[in-house]
Structures are given as C-alpha cells and as structure tokens.
Amino acid sequence: MFNIAFSHDHNRQINWSAIILFTLGFWLSASFVLDFVLIPSLSVTGMMTESGFASAGFVIFGIFNRVELICASLVLTTALVFGSQHYFTQRKQVLSIIFSSLLLAIALAYTYVFTPHLTAWGLCLNQFGVNQTMPTNMISWHEGYWFLELVKYILAGTLLRWSYQGLLSHN
C-alpha cells in the first residue's frame, strides 16, 4: 500500500530554477529591507542609543544570519546541481560555484564574526552610556559589513540574472 501511494512521485524532478530564483529574490529583498528600511528607521527614531539595543540587535541579526546561511546553502546547492546538469556555459558554471561559495562565506562571516563583534562593541557603548560616538574599531567593523554587503548584492544579483536568463533559454 505504501508503494502505491508514492509510486507516482518517482518521475517528479526538483525545479532547481524555481528554487534559486525564489531563494535569491527572497534573500536580496530581505537584505534590502533590513539594510535600507529597518536599520535606518531604528536609527532615526533613536532606538539604537537605547541600552537594550545591542542585545536586541544580536537577536535580530542572529535570526537573519541563520536565514542567510540557509539561503546561501540553497544557492550553492543549486549552483552545484546546475554545474552537473551543464545548465550554464562552462565559464558561468565555474563562476556560479565560486560566487555561491563566496556568498556562503559572507553569510558565515556575518553569523560568526561580524554580529558577535558588533554586538560586543554595542554592549561596551551601552555599559558606559556617556560616550555617544562610535569607537574607531566599531566603525571599521561597520565598514567591513557594508563592503561585504555590497559584494553580496553584486554576486547574488549576478546569479539571479544568470538563473533567470538560463530559465528563459531552457524553456
């Protein structure tokens, strides 16, 4: 009986084009909302100067970093599948795997390096409460974050464009 219930699923294939297009679209739009809507809104309203912002930021970014890890893993998996199926030209196959690997490395850096360090600097600022300017080290961490964010947007946007063009050419 179990075999009968699932026997029709043997011919189904995973739609990797849909997975990468959805994943990259979701990831880029969520990053855009976080970077250019949520964080500026918190800054303008003065919430970033509140004593609990560092720990709240750690939770917000911690959750988002885990979502980014899932997205980056899906993108890399799809790039590897596309490589085995010769979905792209040889050059794009190699570049898509490199770009996807870099996206995963960026997500790992955000999760295990940037978020803990920025949170630690934020907790140091809140602990003393007198100094409202960012220390030089915290500014350099923010600059590193924005540099990686720019790289992420470029790489993910390129993969999104290639995947969409590949979908159009294969239909």
Protein backbone atom coordinates (compact mmCIF):
# COMPACT_ATOMS: atom_id res chain seq x y z
CA MET A 1 0.00 0.00 0.00
CA PHE A 2 2.85 2.38 0.84
CA ASN A 3 4.40 1.82 -2.59
CA ILE A 4 1.11 2.50 -4.33
CA ALA A 5 0.62 5.82 -2.52
CA PHE A 6 4.00 7.16 -3.56
CA SER A 7 4.61 5.41 -6.87
CA HIS A 8 3.56 8.43 -8.95
CA ASP A 9 6.26 10.63 -7.36
CA HIS A 10 9.16 8.72 -8.95
CA ASN A 11 9.00 10.75 -12.16
CA ARG A 12 8.98 14.12 -10.42
CA GLN A 13 12.10 16.26 -10.57
CA ILE A 14 13.08 19.18 -8.40
CA ASN A 15 12.67 22.54 -10.12
CA TRP A 16 16.10 23.98 -9.30
CA SER A 17 15.45 27.12 -11.36
CA ALA A 18 12.47 27.96 -9.19
CA ILE A 19 14.44 27.25 -6.02
CA ILE A 20 17.34 29.55 -6.91
CA LEU A 21 15.10 32.33 -8.24
CA PHE A 22 12.89 32.26 -5.14
CA THR A 23 15.84 31.97 -2.75
CA LEU A 24 17.86 34.79 -4.31
CA GLY A 25 14.79 37.01 -4.67
CA PHE A 26 13.80 36.44 -1.05
CA TRP A 27 17.36 36.89 0.24
CA LEU A 28 18.03 40.09 -1.68
CA SER A 29 14.68 41.64 -0.78
CA ALA A 30 15.00 40.70 2.90
CA SER A 31 18.53 42.13 3.00
CA PHE A 32 17.31 45.30 1.33
CA VAL A 33 14.50 45.72 3.87
CA LEU A 34 16.88 45.12 6.77
CA ASP A 35 19.65 47.40 5.43
CA PHE A 36 17.63 50.25 3.99
CA VAL A 37 14.33 50.23 5.92
CA LEU A 38 14.61 48.60 9.35
CA ILE A 39 18.05 49.77 10.49
CA PRO A 40 17.64 53.38 9.26
CA SER A 41 14.21 53.51 10.92
CA LEU A 42 15.68 52.34 14.21
CA SER A 43 18.45 54.90 13.89
CA VAL A 44 16.13 57.81 13.10
CA THR A 45 13.81 57.00 16.00
CA GLY A 46 16.75 56.89 18.41
CA MET A 47 16.29 53.25 19.34
CA MET A 48 19.93 52.47 18.55
CA THR A 49 21.02 54.58 21.51
CA GLU A 50 18.81 52.67 23.95
CA SER A 51 20.57 50.42 26.45
CA GLY A 52 18.94 47.21 25.20
CA PHE A 53 19.56 47.75 21.51
CA ALA A 54 22.80 45.75 21.37
CA SER A 55 21.16 42.62 22.74
CA ALA A 56 18.03 43.16 20.62
CA GLY A 57 20.25 43.68 17.56
CA PHE A 58 22.08 40.45 18.39
CA VAL A 59 18.77 38.56 18.36
CA ILE A 60 17.50 40.24 15.16
CA PHE A 61 20.76 39.79 13.27
CA GLY A 62 21.30 36.33 14.74
CA ILE A 63 18.00 35.13 13.33
CA PHE A 64 18.57 36.85 10.00
CA ASN A 65 22.11 35.45 9.79
CA ARG A 66 20.73 31.93 10.15
CA VAL A 67 18.21 32.62 7.38
CA GLU A 68 21.12 33.88 5.24
CA LEU A 69 23.02 30.65 5.91
CA ILE A 70 20.05 28.62 4.69
CA CYS A 71 19.70 30.82 1.59
CA ALA A 72 23.43 30.64 0.82
CA SER A 73 23.40 26.86 1.25
CA LEU A 74 20.46 26.52 -1.14
CA VAL A 75 22.15 28.78 -3.68
CA LEU A 76 25.39 26.79 -3.50
CA THR A 77 23.49 23.50 -3.78
CA THR A 78 21.65 24.79 -6.83
CA ALA A 79 24.89 26.02 -8.40
CA LEU A 80 26.40 22.57 -7.94
CA VAL A 81 23.32 20.93 -9.48
CA PHE A 82 23.42 23.38 -12.40
CA GLY A 83 27.09 22.53 -12.85
CA SER A 84 26.37 18.81 -13.03
CA GLN A 85 23.49 19.40 -15.47
CA HIS A 86 25.51 21.82 -17.61
CA TYR A 87 22.80 24.44 -17.18
CA PHE A 88 25.21 27.30 -17.89
CA THR A 89 28.19 27.69 -20.16
CA GLN A 90 31.44 26.26 -18.76
CA ARG A 91 32.63 29.72 -17.64
CA LYS A 92 29.33 30.55 -15.91
CA GLN A 93 29.27 27.12 -14.24
CA VAL A 94 32.63 27.76 -12.62
CA LEU A 95 31.79 31.36 -11.74
CA SER A 96 28.39 30.43 -10.28
CA ILE A 97 30.03 27.92 -7.94
CA ILE A 98 32.68 30.50 -6.94
CA PHE A 99 30.05 33.23 -6.41
CA SER A 100 27.83 30.86 -4.42
CA SER A 101 30.77 29.79 -2.26
CA LEU A 102 31.63 33.43 -1.60
CA LEU A 103 28.01 34.11 -0.63
CA LEU A 104 28.17 31.25 1.86
CA ALA A 105 31.47 32.59 3.22
CA ILE A 106 29.89 36.03 3.65
CA ALA A 107 26.90 34.54 5.50
CA LEU A 108 29.29 32.59 7.74
CA ALA A 109 31.34 35.74 8.40
CA TYR A 110 28.20 37.67 9.35
CA THR A 111 26.99 34.91 11.65
CA TYR A 112 30.18 34.01 13.46
CA VAL A 113 32.39 37.11 13.18
CA PHE A 114 30.59 40.37 12.44
CA THR A 115 27.43 40.02 14.55
CA PRO A 116 29.27 38.90 17.72
CA HIS A 117 31.91 41.65 17.38
CA LEU A 118 29.43 44.42 16.61
CA THR A 119 27.24 43.28 19.49
CA ALA A 120 30.21 43.28 21.84
CA TRP A 121 31.12 46.82 20.79
CA GLY A 122 27.49 47.86 21.22
CA LEU A 123 27.38 46.38 24.71
CA CYS A 124 30.57 48.26 25.59
CA LEU A 125 28.98 51.50 24.41
CA ASN A 126 25.82 50.86 26.42
CA GLN A 127 27.72 49.83 29.53
CA PHE A 128 29.33 53.21 29.99
CA GLY A 129 26.49 55.24 28.50
CA VAL A 130 28.45 58.52 28.40
CA ASN A 131 30.11 58.28 25.02
CA GLN A 132 27.61 58.57 22.13
CA THR A 133 30.19 58.30 19.35
CA MET A 134 31.28 55.02 17.86
CA PRO A 135 34.82 53.84 18.60
CA THR A 136 37.16 53.52 15.62
CA ASN A 137 37.11 49.73 15.84
CA MET A 138 33.32 49.64 15.64
CA ILE A 139 33.37 51.97 12.64
CA SER A 140 35.83 49.66 10.87
CA TRP A 141 33.55 46.66 11.59
CA HIS A 142 30.63 48.59 10.08
CA GLU A 143 32.72 49.48 7.03
CA GLY A 144 33.63 45.81 6.62
CA TYR A 145 29.97 44.86 6.94
CA TRP A 146 28.92 47.35 4.24
CA PHE A 147 31.73 46.22 1.94
CA LEU A 148 30.62 42.58 2.27
CA GLU A 149 27.01 43.65 1.86
CA LEU A 150 27.90 45.36 -1.44
CA VAL A 151 29.75 42.24 -2.59
CA LYS A 152 26.75 40.12 -1.57
CA TYR A 153 24.33 42.29 -3.58
CA ILE A 154 26.58 42.15 -6.66
CA LEU A 155 27.17 38.38 -6.51
CA ALA A 156 23.58 37.47 -5.68
CA GLY A 157 22.23 39.88 -8.30
CA THR A 158 24.52 38.37 -10.93
CA LEU A 159 23.43 34.83 -10.03
CA LEU A 160 19.79 35.90 -10.09
CA ARG A 161 20.20 37.43 -13.55
CA TRP A 162 22.05 34.37 -14.90
CA SER A 163 19.47 31.99 -13.45
CA TYR A 164 16.58 33.95 -14.91
CA GLN A 165 18.28 34.13 -18.32
CA GLY A 166 19.02 30.39 -18.11
CA LEU A 167 15.39 29.67 -17.29
CA LEU A 168 14.25 31.68 -20.31
CA SER A 169 16.71 29.98 -22.63
CA HIS A 170 15.77 26.46 -21.44
CA ASN A 171 12.03 26.96 -21.96
